[in-house]
Amino acid sequence: MTALLHRLGFVYKKPKRVPGKADPKAQEALLAEYETLKQDKEENDVICFMDAVRPQHNPVLGYGWIKRGEDHQVKPNTG
């Protein structure tokens, strides 16, 4: 079976995880706001970033047979 899949142009690889709810316009607005914040802060001010994490909330990607030259994309449940 493996030889047949190779002859048909498939490879055994992991799919790609892509952002599930990405919004390019919101990301650009956030970057613009961040640049303004960096320019306007005082010398001793600190910028902190926070993120919430839920272990095993998104799918665990395994390997599979995917057509050669193509990427199979999997959107996670959240951001």
PDB file of N, CA and C in Angstrom:
ATOM      1  N   MET A   1       0.814  -1.183   0.000  1.00  0.00           N
ATOM      2  CA  MET A   1       0.000   0.000   0.000  1.00  0.00           C
ATOM      3  C   MET A   1       0.867   1.260   0.000  1.00  0.00           C
ATOM      4  N   THR A   2       1.955   1.234   0.762  1.00  0.00           N
ATOM      5  CA  THR A   2       2.846   2.388   0.817  1.00  0.00           C
ATOM      6  C   THR A   2       3.435   2.692  -0.552  1.00  0.00           C
ATOM      7  N   ALA A   3       3.874   1.655  -1.267  1.00  0.00           N
ATOM      8  CA  ALA A   3       4.444   1.852  -2.603  1.00  0.00           C
ATOM      9  C   ALA A   3       3.402   2.442  -3.554  1.00  0.00           C
ATOM     10  N   LEU A   4       2.161   1.988  -3.467  1.00  0.00           N
ATOM     11  CA  LEU A   4       1.096   2.519  -4.317  1.00  0.00           C
ATOM     12  C   LEU A   4       0.850   4.000  -4.035  1.00  0.00           C
ATOM     13  N   LEU A   5       0.798   4.368  -2.761  1.00  0.00           N
ATOM     14  CA  LEU A   5       0.586   5.773  -2.417  1.00  0.00           C
ATOM     15  C   LEU A   5       1.728   6.646  -2.922  1.00  0.00           C
ATOM     16  N   HIS A   6       2.966   6.162  -2.839  1.00  0.00           N
ATOM     17  CA  HIS A   6       4.105   6.915  -3.377  1.00  0.00           C
ATOM     18  C   HIS A   6       3.986   7.060  -4.887  1.00  0.00           C
ATOM     19  N   ARG A   7       3.585   6.004  -5.591  1.00  0.00           N
ATOM     20  CA  ARG A   7       3.425   6.081  -7.051  1.00  0.00           C
ATOM     21  C   ARG A   7       2.323   7.062  -7.439  1.00  0.00           C
ATOM     22  N   LEU A   8       1.294   7.171  -6.609  1.00  0.00           N
ATOM     23  CA  LEU A   8       0.192   8.093  -6.888  1.00  0.00           C
ATOM     24  C   LEU A   8       0.508   9.539  -6.497  1.00  0.00           C
ATOM     25  N   GLY A   9       1.704   9.763  -5.947  1.00  0.00           N
ATOM     26  CA  GLY A   9       2.149  11.121  -5.637  1.00  0.00           C
ATOM     27  C   GLY A   9       1.809  11.613  -4.250  1.00  0.00           C
ATOM     28  N   PHE A  10       1.662  10.701  -3.296  1.00  0.00           N
ATOM     29  CA  PHE A  10       1.381  11.085  -1.923  1.00  0.00           C
ATOM     30  C   PHE A  10       2.640  10.955  -1.075  1.00  0.00           C
ATOM     31  N   VAL A  11       2.721  11.791  -0.027  1.00  0.00           N
ATOM     32  CA  VAL A  11       3.825  11.702   0.938  1.00  0.00           C
ATOM     33  C   VAL A  11       3.231  11.637   2.337  1.00  0.00           C
ATOM     34  N   TYR A  12       3.956  11.036   3.245  1.00  0.00           N
ATOM     35  CA  TYR A  12       3.512  10.871   4.633  1.00  0.00           C
ATOM     36  C   TYR A  12       4.074  12.033   5.426  1.00  0.00           C
ATOM     37  N   LYS A  13       3.220  13.012   5.773  1.00  0.00           N
ATOM     38  CA  LYS A  13       3.699  14.182   6.502  1.00  0.00           C
ATOM     39  C   LYS A  13       2.596  14.726   7.399  1.00  0.00           C
ATOM     40  N   LYS A  14       2.964  15.696   8.195  1.00  0.00           N
ATOM     41  CA  LYS A  14       2.055  16.310   9.159  1.00  0.00           C
ATOM     42  C   LYS A  14       1.317  17.473   8.494  1.00  0.00           C
ATOM     43  N   PRO A  15       0.015  17.639   8.763  1.00  0.00           N
ATOM     44  CA  PRO A  15      -0.700  18.802   8.225  1.00  0.00           C
ATOM     45  C   PRO A  15      -0.244  20.089   8.905  1.00  0.00           C
ATOM     46  N   LYS A  16      -0.567  21.229   8.306  1.00  0.00           N
ATOM     47  CA  LYS A  16      -0.192  22.536   8.850  1.00  0.00           C
ATOM     48  C   LYS A  16      -1.341  23.095   9.681  1.00  0.00           C
ATOM     49  N   ARG A  17      -1.022  23.630  10.842  1.00  0.00           N
ATOM     50  CA  ARG A  17      -2.034  24.301  11.666  1.00  0.00           C
ATOM     51  C   ARG A  17      -2.033  25.775  11.268  1.00  0.00           C
ATOM     52  N   VAL A  18      -3.201  26.312  10.958  1.00  0.00           N
ATOM     53  CA  VAL A  18      -3.342  27.717  10.569  1.00  0.00           C
ATOM     54  C   VAL A  18      -4.271  28.401  11.572  1.00  0.00           C
ATOM     55  N   PRO A  19      -4.127  29.704  11.753  1.00  0.00           N
ATOM     56  CA  PRO A  19      -5.015  30.399  12.686  1.00  0.00           C
ATOM     57  C   PRO A  19      -6.476  30.215  12.302  1.00  0.00           C
ATOM     58  N   GLY A  20      -7.312  29.872  13.277  1.00  0.00           N
ATOM     59  CA  GLY A  20      -8.705  29.584  13.003  1.00  0.00           C
ATOM     60  C   GLY A  20      -9.559  30.819  12.782  1.00  0.00           C
ATOM     61  N   LYS A  21      -9.224  31.915  13.448  1.00  0.00           N
ATOM     62  CA  LYS A  21     -10.058  33.112  13.360  1.00  0.00           C
ATOM     63  C   LYS A  21      -9.199  34.348  13.111  1.00  0.00           C
ATOM     64  N   ALA A  22      -8.204  34.244  12.288  1.00  0.00           N
ATOM     65  CA  ALA A  22      -7.306  35.366  12.024  1.00  0.00           C
ATOM     66  C   ALA A  22      -8.034  36.448  11.238  1.00  0.00           C
ATOM     67  N   ASP A  23      -7.820  37.694  11.632  1.00  0.00           N
ATOM     68  CA  ASP A  23      -8.410  38.840  10.951  1.00  0.00           C
ATOM     69  C   ASP A  23      -7.262  39.791  10.601  1.00  0.00           C
ATOM     70  N   PRO A  24      -6.828  39.801   9.332  1.00  0.00           N
ATOM     71  CA  PRO A  24      -5.673  40.632   8.950  1.00  0.00           C
ATOM     72  C   PRO A  24      -5.849  42.118   9.279  1.00  0.00           C
ATOM     73  N   LYS A  25      -7.055  42.661   9.128  1.00  0.00           N
ATOM     74  CA  LYS A  25      -7.274  44.089   9.417  1.00  0.00           C
ATOM     75  C   LYS A  25      -7.112  44.371  10.906  1.00  0.00           C
ATOM     76  N   ALA A  26      -7.625  43.483  11.750  1.00  0.00           N
ATOM     77  CA  ALA A  26      -7.479  43.664  13.196  1.00  0.00           C
ATOM     78  C   ALA A  26      -6.011  43.540  13.604  1.00  0.00           C
ATOM     79  N   GLN A  27      -5.267  42.645  12.962  1.00  0.00           N
ATOM     80  CA  GLN A  27      -3.845  42.488  13.277  1.00  0.00           C
ATOM     81  C   GLN A  27      -3.069  43.744  12.896  1.00  0.00           C
ATOM     82  N   GLU A  28      -3.386  44.335  11.732  1.00  0.00           N
ATOM     83  CA  GLU A  28      -2.708  45.568  11.320  1.00  0.00           C
ATOM     84  C   GLU A  28      -3.033  46.715  12.266  1.00  0.00           C
ATOM     85  N   ALA A  29      -4.292  46.799  12.720  1.00  0.00           N
ATOM     86  CA  ALA A  29      -4.682  47.850  13.661  1.00  0.00           C
ATOM     87  C   ALA A  29      -3.944  47.676  14.987  1.00  0.00           C
ATOM     88  N   LEU A  30      -3.818  46.439  15.451  1.00  0.00           N
ATOM     89  CA  LEU A  30      -3.092  46.177  16.695  1.00  0.00           C
ATOM     90  C   LEU A  30      -1.620  46.564  16.556  1.00  0.00           C
ATOM     91  N   LEU A  31      -1.002  46.244  15.436  1.00  0.00           N
ATOM     92  CA  LEU A  31       0.398  46.615  15.227  1.00  0.00           C
ATOM     93  C   LEU A  31       0.580  48.126  15.202  1.00  0.00           C
ATOM     94  N   ALA A  32      -0.345  48.847  14.568  1.00  0.00           N
ATOM     95  CA  ALA A  32      -0.267  50.313  14.537  1.00  0.00           C
ATOM     96  C   ALA A  32      -0.406  50.884  15.944  1.00  0.00           C
ATOM     97  N   GLU A  33      -1.338  50.340  16.722  1.00  0.00           N
ATOM     98  CA  GLU A  33      -1.527  50.796  18.099  1.00  0.00           C
ATOM     99  C   GLU A  33      -0.298  50.485  18.949  1.00  0.00           C
ATOM    100  N   TYR A  34       0.315  49.328  18.723  1.00  0.00           N
ATOM    101  CA  TYR A  34       1.514  48.932  19.464  1.00  0.00           C
ATOM    102  C   TYR A  34       2.684  49.864  19.150  1.00  0.00           C
ATOM    103  N   GLU A  35       2.855  50.204  17.879  1.00  0.00           N
ATOM    104  CA  GLU A  35       3.938  51.122  17.501  1.00  0.00           C
ATOM    105  C   GLU A  35       3.741  52.486  18.161  1.00  0.00           C
ATOM    106  N   THR A  36       2.509  52.981  18.197  1.00  0.00           N
ATOM    107  CA  THR A  36       2.206  54.253  18.858  1.00  0.00           C
ATOM    108  C   THR A  36       2.516  54.162  20.349  1.00  0.00           C
ATOM    109  N   LEU A  37       2.126  53.057  20.976  1.00  0.00           N
ATOM    110  CA  LEU A  37       2.392  52.848  22.391  1.00  0.00           C
ATOM    111  C   LEU A  37       3.892  52.856  22.672  1.00  0.00           C
ATOM    112  N   LYS A  38       4.684  52.191  21.828  1.00  0.00           N
ATOM    113  CA  LYS A  38       6.138  52.146  22.027  1.00  0.00           C
ATOM    114  C   LYS A  38       6.758  53.536  21.917  1.00  0.00           C
ATOM    115  N   GLN A  39       6.253  54.339  20.982  1.00  0.00           N
ATOM    116  CA  GLN A  39       6.820  55.681  20.782  1.00  0.00           C
ATOM    117  C   GLN A  39       6.450  56.629  21.912  1.00  0.00           C
ATOM    118  N   ASP A  40       5.250  56.464  22.490  1.00  0.00           N
ATOM    119  CA  ASP A  40       4.753  57.398  23.495  1.00  0.00           C
ATOM    120  C   ASP A  40       5.112  57.027  24.935  1.00  0.00           C
ATOM    121  N   LYS A  41       5.688  55.853  25.174  1.00  0.00           N
ATOM    122  CA  LYS A  41       5.956  55.430  26.550  1.00  0.00           C
ATOM    123  C   LYS A  41       7.193  56.137  27.101  1.00  0.00           C
ATOM    124  N   GLU A  42       7.226  56.220  28.413  1.00  0.00           N
ATOM    125  CA  GLU A  42       8.382  56.806  29.086  1.00  0.00           C
ATOM    126  C   GLU A  42       9.543  55.816  29.076  1.00  0.00           C
ATOM    127  N   GLU A  43      10.720  56.274  29.418  1.00  0.00           N
ATOM    128  CA  GLU A  43      11.919  55.435  29.352  1.00  0.00           C
ATOM    129  C   GLU A  43      11.837  54.212  30.281  1.00  0.00           C
ATOM    130  N   ASN A  44      11.260  54.362  31.457  1.00  0.00           N
ATOM    131  CA  ASN A  44      11.202  53.269  32.422  1.00  0.00           C
ATOM    132  C   ASN A  44       9.904  52.472  32.360  1.00  0.00           C
ATOM    133  N   ASP A  45       8.995  52.821  31.453  1.00  0.00           N
ATOM    134  CA  ASP A  45       7.744  52.074  31.315  1.00  0.00           C
ATOM    135  C   ASP A  45       8.012  50.722  30.661  1.00  0.00           C
ATOM    136  N   VAL A  46       7.217  49.736  31.067  1.00  0.00           N
ATOM    137  CA  VAL A  46       7.365  48.381  30.551  1.00  0.00           C
ATOM    138  C   VAL A  46       6.085  47.982  29.831  1.00  0.00           C
ATOM    139  N   ILE A  47       6.218  47.304  28.693  1.00  0.00           N
ATOM    140  CA  ILE A  47       5.066  46.783  27.966  1.00  0.00           C
ATOM    141  C   ILE A  47       5.019  45.281  28.218  1.00  0.00           C
ATOM    142  N   CYS A  48       3.881  44.800  28.721  1.00  0.00           N
ATOM    143  CA  CYS A  48       3.719  43.374  29.024  1.00  0.00           C
ATOM    144  C   CYS A  48       2.664  42.767  28.113  1.00  0.00           C
ATOM    145  N   PHE A  49       2.840  41.507  27.761  1.00  0.00           N
ATOM    146  CA  PHE A  49       1.886  40.775  26.942  1.00  0.00           C
ATOM    147  C   PHE A  49       1.337  39.610  27.752  1.00  0.00           C
ATOM    148  N   MET A  50       0.031  39.331  27.584  1.00  0.00           N
ATOM    149  CA  MET A  50      -0.596  38.212  28.286  1.00  0.00           C
ATOM    150  C   MET A  50      -1.386  37.383  27.278  1.00  0.00           C
ATOM    151  N   ASP A  51      -1.519  36.103  27.593  1.00  0.00           N
ATOM    152  CA  ASP A  51      -2.278  35.208  26.730  1.00  0.00           C
ATOM    153  C   ASP A  51      -2.868  34.092  27.585  1.00  0.00           C
ATOM    154  N   ALA A  52      -4.083  33.698  27.264  1.00  0.00           N
ATOM    155  CA  ALA A  52      -4.711  32.588  27.979  1.00  0.00           C
ATOM    156  C   ALA A  52      -4.393  31.287  27.247  1.00  0.00           C
ATOM    157  N   VAL A  53      -4.180  30.223  28.003  1.00  0.00           N
ATOM    158  CA  VAL A  53      -3.835  28.933  27.406  1.00  0.00           C
ATOM    159  C   VAL A  53      -4.718  27.847  28.005  1.00  0.00           C
ATOM    160  N   ARG A  54      -5.233  26.998  27.138  1.00  0.00           N
ATOM    161  CA  ARG A  54      -5.987  25.823  27.592  1.00  0.00           C
ATOM    162  C   ARG A  54      -5.279  24.591  27.036  1.00  0.00           C
ATOM    163  N   PRO A  55      -4.678  23.785  27.889  1.00  0.00           N
ATOM    164  CA  PRO A  55      -3.967  22.612  27.376  1.00  0.00           C
ATOM    165  C   PRO A  55      -4.907  21.648  26.661  1.00  0.00           C
ATOM    166  N   GLN A  56      -4.488  21.149  25.530  1.00  0.00           N
ATOM    167  CA  GLN A  56      -5.227  20.166  24.726  1.00  0.00           C
ATOM    168  C   GLN A  56      -6.598  20.656  24.275  1.00  0.00           C
ATOM    169  N   HIS A  57      -6.772  21.969  24.159  1.00  0.00           N
ATOM    170  CA  HIS A  57      -8.046  22.507  23.678  1.00  0.00           C
ATOM    171  C   HIS A  57      -8.169  22.323  22.164  1.00  0.00           C
ATOM    172  N   ASN A  58      -7.066  22.396  21.478  1.00  0.00           N
ATOM    173  CA  ASN A  58      -7.063  22.273  20.021  1.00  0.00           C
ATOM    174  C   ASN A  58      -6.661  20.865  19.594  1.00  0.00           C
ATOM    175  N   PRO A  59      -6.911  20.525  18.343  1.00  0.00           N
ATOM    176  CA  PRO A  59      -6.584  19.174  17.890  1.00  0.00           C
ATOM    177  C   PRO A  59      -5.079  18.908  17.931  1.00  0.00           C
ATOM    178  N   VAL A  60      -4.731  17.681  18.238  1.00  0.00           N
ATOM    179  CA  VAL A  60      -3.341  17.245  18.193  1.00  0.00           C
ATOM    180  C   VAL A  60      -3.116  16.682  16.791  1.00  0.00           C
ATOM    181  N   LEU A  61      -2.212  17.294  16.064  1.00  0.00           N
ATOM    182  CA  LEU A  61      -1.999  16.902  14.675  1.00  0.00           C
ATOM    183  C   LEU A  61      -1.109  15.669  14.585  1.00  0.00           C
ATOM    184  N   GLY A  62      -1.541  14.713  13.811  1.00  0.00           N
ATOM    185  CA  GLY A  62      -0.756  13.523  13.535  1.00  0.00           C
ATOM    186  C   GLY A  62      -0.320  13.525  12.079  1.00  0.00           C
ATOM    187  N   TYR A  63       0.313  12.473  11.659  1.00  0.00           N
ATOM    188  CA  TYR A  63       0.777  12.376  10.281  1.00  0.00           C
ATOM    189  C   TYR A  63      -0.276  11.684   9.422  1.00  0.00           C
ATOM    190  N   GLY A  64      -0.216  11.939   8.119  1.00  0.00           N
ATOM    191  CA  GLY A  64      -1.141  11.297   7.194  1.00  0.00           C
ATOM    192  C   GLY A  64      -0.617  11.393   5.774  1.00  0.00           C
ATOM    193  N   TRP A  65      -1.307  10.737   4.842  1.00  0.00           N
ATOM    194  CA  TRP A  65      -0.904  10.743   3.436  1.00  0.00           C
ATOM    195  C   TRP A  65      -1.520  11.966   2.763  1.00  0.00           C
ATOM    196  N   ILE A  66      -0.662  12.878   2.297  1.00  0.00           N
ATOM    197  CA  ILE A  66      -1.079  14.138   1.684  1.00  0.00           C
ATOM    198  C   ILE A  66      -0.429  14.222   0.303  1.00  0.00           C
ATOM    199  N   LYS A  67      -1.181  14.704  -0.671  1.00  0.00           N
ATOM    200  CA  LYS A  67      -0.682  14.815  -2.048  1.00  0.00           C
ATOM    201  C   LYS A  67       0.616  15.619  -2.067  1.00  0.00           C
ATOM    202  N   ARG A  68       1.604  15.129  -2.796  1.00  0.00           N
ATOM    203  CA  ARG A  68       2.916  15.781  -2.869  1.00  0.00           C
ATOM    204  C   ARG A  68       2.771  17.210  -3.398  1.00  0.00           C
ATOM    205  N   GLY A  69       3.449  18.167  -2.758  1.00  0.00           N
ATOM    206  CA  GLY A  69       3.421  19.560  -3.170  1.00  0.00           C
ATOM    207  C   GLY A  69       2.247  20.348  -2.600  1.00  0.00           C
ATOM    208  N   GLU A  70       1.376  19.699  -1.859  1.00  0.00           N
ATOM    209  CA  GLU A  70       0.225  20.368  -1.263  1.00  0.00           C
ATOM    210  C   GLU A  70       0.341  20.322   0.255  1.00  0.00           C
ATOM    211  N   ASP A  71      -0.293  21.289   0.912  1.00  0.00           N
ATOM    212  CA  ASP A  71      -0.356  21.304   2.370  1.00  0.00           C
ATOM    213  C   ASP A  71      -1.808  21.152   2.785  1.00  0.00           C
ATOM    214  N   HIS A  72      -2.065  20.276   3.714  1.00  0.00           N
ATOM    215  CA  HIS A  72      -3.404  20.134   4.274  1.00  0.00           C
ATOM    216  C   HIS A  72      -3.459  21.030   5.498  1.00  0.00           C
ATOM    217  N   GLN A  73      -4.383  21.998   5.508  1.00  0.00           N
ATOM    218  CA  GLN A  73      -4.457  22.950   6.597  1.00  0.00           C
ATOM    219  C   GLN A  73      -5.582  22.582   7.559  1.00  0.00           C
ATOM    220  N   VAL A  74      -5.288  22.681   8.853  1.00  0.00           N
ATOM    221  CA  VAL A  74      -6.260  22.384   9.900  1.00  0.00           C
ATOM    222  C   VAL A  74      -6.428  23.636  10.738  1.00  0.00           C
ATOM    223  N   LYS A  75      -7.678  24.122  10.845  1.00  0.00           N
ATOM    224  CA  LYS A  75      -7.962  25.278  11.691  1.00  0.00           C
ATOM    225  C   LYS A  75      -8.253  24.797  13.111  1.00  0.00           C
ATOM    226  N   PRO A  76      -7.596  25.398  14.112  1.00  0.00           N
ATOM    227  CA  PRO A  76      -7.888  25.020  15.492  1.00  0.00           C
ATOM    228  C   PRO A  76      -9.242  25.567  15.919  1.00  0.00           C
ATOM    229  N   ASN A  77      -9.694  25.165  17.094  1.00  0.00           N
ATOM    230  CA  ASN A  77     -10.987  25.602  17.608  1.00  0.00           C
ATOM    231  C   ASN A  77     -11.038  27.091  17.886  1.00  0.00           C
ATOM    232  N   THR A  78      -9.920  27.656  18.349  1.00  0.00           N
ATOM    233  CA  THR A  78      -9.870  29.073  18.690  1.00  0.00           C
ATOM    234  C   THR A  78      -8.631  29.699  18.122  1.00  0.00           C
ATOM    235  N   GLY A  79      -8.622  31.066  18.095  1.00  0.00           N
ATOM    236  CA  GLY A  79      -7.525  31.889  17.638  1.00  0.00           C
ATOM    237  C   GLY A  79      -6.349  31.168  17.221  1.00  0.00           C
TER     238      GLY A  79
END
